[in-house]
Structures are given as C-alpha cells and as structure tokens.
Amino acid sequence: LFRWSGSKFELHQELASHKACDMEFFTIADQSFLAVANSYDDYSQHNVDSVLFRWSGSKFELHQELASHKACDMEFFTIADQSFLAVANSYDDYSQHNVDSVLFRWSGS
C-alpha cells in the first residue's frame, strides 16, 4: 500500500494476500475499508479466504475473512440504506468452474 507524500508515492504498509486479483476501497458510516480478492494460496488451493481490512487511523487492520473460491473481482454498492460487497468467484477446488459468486450484506459491526 502506497501513500502520496506530496510529490511521489511512498510505501506505507504491506498487506498479506494470496495472489490477489482485485482490491475495493469503500466507506461505511465514516469508516474506511479495503477488501482484497485472493485467488489461491501458496499450495495452489483455490478455496482461500479473501479479506476485509478496516482503517485504524494510521494503517489497515484485518477486520474479517470472507470465504471465497479464486475470487477475481469485488464490488461495493449500496441500495437505499443497505451496504453490500459482491465477490466474483471463478474456480472451486472441488467443483472447478461450477462455483457461485456471493453477496455479503453489512450488518453494522
């Protein structure tokens, strides 16, 4: 993760990931989040959790692990007063390409 210093980007923080394919930044009620779509782990397993980080004021900290299967994209959106995070899964270690994508709804915590 790089931060703009006024004249260039400088390294601010490293975030653990597993062959990340996408990141999605969003805010909910003045809280900032960064979702990371992980595609597979060091053992070539595709059933690897994606992660949601929350901004602590000085860095992103792990907030939640999200079950995913070779996640390739994430999109945040709102409908009325509800917030959602869609995760596009592309491959499952057991059923291969026959895998559902998922939709997470913010519960407020």
C-alpha atoms as a PDB file:
ATOM      1  CA  LEU A   1       0.000   0.000   0.000  1.00  0.00           C
ATOM      2  CA  PHE A   2       1.492   3.332  -1.052  1.00  0.00           C
ATOM      3  CA  ARG A   3       0.717   6.800   0.320  1.00  0.00           C
ATOM      4  CA  TRP A   4       1.071  10.056  -1.614  1.00  0.00           C
ATOM      5  CA  SER A   5       3.784  12.187   0.063  1.00  0.00           C
ATOM      6  CA  GLY A   6       3.029  15.355  -1.863  1.00  0.00           C
ATOM      7  CA  SER A   7       5.440  14.646  -4.692  1.00  0.00           C
ATOM      8  CA  LYS A   8       5.515  10.846  -5.033  1.00  0.00           C
ATOM      9  CA  PHE A   9       4.050   7.598  -3.726  1.00  0.00           C
ATOM     10  CA  GLU A  10       5.936   6.024  -0.814  1.00  0.00           C
ATOM     11  CA  LEU A  11       5.482   2.621   0.788  1.00  0.00           C
ATOM     12  CA  HIS A  12       3.081   2.938   3.727  1.00  0.00           C
ATOM     13  CA  GLN A  13       2.094  -0.644   4.593  1.00  0.00           C
ATOM     14  CA  GLU A  14       2.317  -4.197   3.303  1.00  0.00           C
ATOM     15  CA  LEU A  15      -0.881  -6.264   3.383  1.00  0.00           C
ATOM     16  CA  ALA A  16      -0.804 -10.057   3.474  1.00  0.00           C
ATOM     17  CA  SER A  17      -2.567 -11.553   0.460  1.00  0.00           C
ATOM     18  CA  HIS A  18      -2.671 -14.718  -1.642  1.00  0.00           C
ATOM     19  CA  LYS A  19      -2.267 -13.963  -5.351  1.00  0.00           C
ATOM     20  CA  ALA A  20      -4.662 -11.012  -5.028  1.00  0.00           C
ATOM     21  CA  CYS A  21      -6.600 -10.155  -8.188  1.00  0.00           C
ATOM     22  CA  ASP A  22      -8.590  -7.121  -7.074  1.00  0.00           C
ATOM     23  CA  MET A  23      -8.981  -4.569  -4.295  1.00  0.00           C
ATOM     24  CA  GLU A  24     -12.036  -2.487  -3.487  1.00  0.00           C
ATOM     25  CA  PHE A  25     -11.939   0.582  -1.242  1.00  0.00           C
ATOM     26  CA  PHE A  26     -15.148   1.886   0.314  1.00  0.00           C
ATOM     27  CA  THR A  27     -16.533   3.747   3.302  1.00  0.00           C
ATOM     28  CA  ILE A  28     -19.488   2.944   5.543  1.00  0.00           C
ATOM     29  CA  ALA A  29     -20.580   5.476   8.173  1.00  0.00           C
ATOM     30  CA  ASP A  30     -17.217   7.288   8.187  1.00  0.00           C
ATOM     31  CA  GLN A  31     -15.284   4.003   8.449  1.00  0.00           C
ATOM     32  CA  SER A  32     -12.848   3.156   5.643  1.00  0.00           C
ATOM     33  CA  PHE A  33     -12.390  -0.396   4.367  1.00  0.00           C
ATOM     34  CA  LEU A  34     -10.225  -2.190   1.825  1.00  0.00           C
ATOM     35  CA  ALA A  35     -11.400  -5.568   0.517  1.00  0.00           C
ATOM     36  CA  VAL A  36      -8.835  -7.878  -1.116  1.00  0.00           C
ATOM     37  CA  ALA A  37      -9.893 -10.648  -3.523  1.00  0.00           C
ATOM     38  CA  ASN A  38      -7.494 -13.582  -3.057  1.00  0.00           C
ATOM     39  CA  SER A  39      -7.279 -16.167  -5.829  1.00  0.00           C
ATOM     40  CA  TYR A  40      -5.170 -19.037  -4.438  1.00  0.00           C
ATOM     41  CA  ASP A  41      -2.674 -19.826  -1.706  1.00  0.00           C
ATOM     42  CA  ASP A  42       0.950 -20.978  -1.724  1.00  0.00           C
ATOM     43  CA  TYR A  43      -0.195 -24.597  -2.200  1.00  0.00           C
ATOM     44  CA  SER A  44      -2.257 -23.789  -5.330  1.00  0.00           C
ATOM     45  CA  GLN A  45      -5.514 -24.218  -3.406  1.00  0.00           C
ATOM     46  CA  HIS A  46      -8.275 -22.004  -4.813  1.00  0.00           C
ATOM     47  CA  ASN A  47     -10.568 -22.216  -1.769  1.00  0.00           C
ATOM     48  CA  VAL A  48      -8.808 -19.398   0.041  1.00  0.00           C
ATOM     49  CA  ASP A  49     -10.429 -16.639   2.067  1.00  0.00           C
ATOM     50  CA  SER A  50     -10.468 -13.107   0.772  1.00  0.00           C
ATOM     51  CA  VAL A  51     -10.059 -10.413   3.405  1.00  0.00           C
ATOM     52  CA  LEU A  52     -11.565  -7.149   4.573  1.00  0.00           C
ATOM     53  CA  PHE A  53      -9.305  -4.584   6.235  1.00  0.00           C
ATOM     54  CA  ARG A  54     -10.505  -1.589   8.284  1.00  0.00           C
ATOM     55  CA  TRP A  55      -8.565   1.691   8.547  1.00  0.00           C
ATOM     56  CA  SER A  56      -7.465   2.279  12.172  1.00  0.00           C
ATOM     57  CA  GLY A  57      -6.386   5.879  11.695  1.00  0.00           C
ATOM     58  CA  SER A  58      -2.808   5.040  10.776  1.00  0.00           C
ATOM     59  CA  LYS A  59      -2.969   1.660   8.996  1.00  0.00           C
ATOM     60  CA  PHE A  60      -5.304  -1.036   7.680  1.00  0.00           C
ATOM     61  CA  GLU A  61      -6.020  -3.865  10.138  1.00  0.00           C
ATOM     62  CA  LEU A  62      -7.711  -7.195   9.451  1.00  0.00           C
ATOM     63  CA  HIS A  63     -11.433  -6.863  10.113  1.00  0.00           C
ATOM     64  CA  GLN A  64     -12.961 -10.000   8.580  1.00  0.00           C
ATOM     65  CA  GLU A  65     -12.127 -13.047   6.488  1.00  0.00           C
ATOM     66  CA  LEU A  66     -14.556 -13.743   3.644  1.00  0.00           C
ATOM     67  CA  ALA A  67     -14.984 -17.262   2.268  1.00  0.00           C
ATOM     68  CA  SER A  68     -14.112 -17.229  -1.429  1.00  0.00           C
ATOM     69  CA  HIS A  69     -13.030 -19.514  -4.264  1.00  0.00           C
ATOM     70  CA  LYS A  70     -10.394 -17.980  -6.553  1.00  0.00           C
ATOM     71  CA  ALA A  71     -12.019 -14.573  -6.177  1.00  0.00           C
ATOM     72  CA  CYS A  72     -11.329 -12.416  -9.212  1.00  0.00           C
ATOM     73  CA  ASP A  73     -13.332  -9.252  -8.511  1.00  0.00           C
ATOM     74  CA  MET A  74     -15.098  -7.378  -5.715  1.00  0.00           C
ATOM     75  CA  GLU A  75     -17.613  -4.566  -5.966  1.00  0.00           C
ATOM     76  CA  PHE A  76     -19.119  -2.467  -3.185  1.00  0.00           C
ATOM     77  CA  PHE A  77     -22.531  -0.854  -3.620  1.00  0.00           C
ATOM     78  CA  THR A  78     -25.467   0.479  -1.649  1.00  0.00           C
ATOM     79  CA  ILE A  79     -29.201   0.095  -2.096  1.00  0.00           C
ATOM     80  CA  ALA A  80     -31.201   2.548  -0.002  1.00  0.00           C
ATOM     81  CA  ASP A  81     -29.521   2.376   3.419  1.00  0.00           C
ATOM     82  CA  GLN A  82     -28.015  -1.109   2.972  1.00  0.00           C
ATOM     83  CA  SER A  83     -24.378  -1.762   2.012  1.00  0.00           C
ATOM     84  CA  PHE A  84     -23.234  -4.802   0.025  1.00  0.00           C
ATOM     85  CA  LEU A  85     -19.975  -6.357  -1.129  1.00  0.00           C
ATOM     86  CA  ALA A  86     -20.166  -8.681  -4.133  1.00  0.00           C
ATOM     87  CA  VAL A  87     -17.407 -11.261  -4.597  1.00  0.00           C
ATOM     88  CA  ALA A  88     -16.972 -12.870  -8.018  1.00  0.00           C
ATOM     89  CA  ASN A  89     -15.655 -16.421  -7.534  1.00  0.00           C
ATOM     90  CA  SER A  90     -14.190 -18.193 -10.550  1.00  0.00           C
ATOM     91  CA  TYR A  91     -12.952 -21.651  -9.532  1.00  0.00           C
ATOM     92  CA  ASP A  92     -13.561 -24.162  -6.748  1.00  0.00           C
ATOM     93  CA  ASP A  93     -11.058 -26.904  -5.861  1.00  0.00           C
ATOM     94  CA  TYR A  94     -13.885 -29.460  -5.848  1.00  0.00           C
ATOM     95  CA  SER A  95     -16.413 -28.447  -8.497  1.00  0.00           C
ATOM     96  CA  GLN A  96     -13.935 -26.485 -10.634  1.00  0.00           C
ATOM     97  CA  HIS A  97     -15.654 -23.743 -12.650  1.00  0.00           C
ATOM     98  CA  ASN A  98     -19.149 -24.544 -11.348  1.00  0.00           C
ATOM     99  CA  VAL A  99     -18.970 -22.146  -8.396  1.00  0.00           C
ATOM    100  CA  ASP A 100     -21.348 -19.487  -7.145  1.00  0.00           C
ATOM    101  CA  SER A 101     -20.334 -15.917  -6.534  1.00  0.00           C
ATOM    102  CA  VAL A 102     -21.509 -14.390  -3.248  1.00  0.00           C
ATOM    103  CA  LEU A 103     -23.051 -11.240  -1.885  1.00  0.00           C
ATOM    104  CA  PHE A 104     -22.245 -10.016   1.637  1.00  0.00           C
ATOM    105  CA  ARG A 105     -24.520  -7.515   3.428  1.00  0.00           C
ATOM    106  CA  TRP A 106     -23.099  -5.158   6.057  1.00  0.00           C
ATOM    107  CA  SER A 107     -24.559  -5.917   9.484  1.00  0.00           C
ATOM    108  CA  GLY A 108     -23.323  -2.754  11.163  1.00  0.00           C
ATOM    109  CA  SER A 109     -20.363  -4.041  13.152  1.00  0.00           C
END
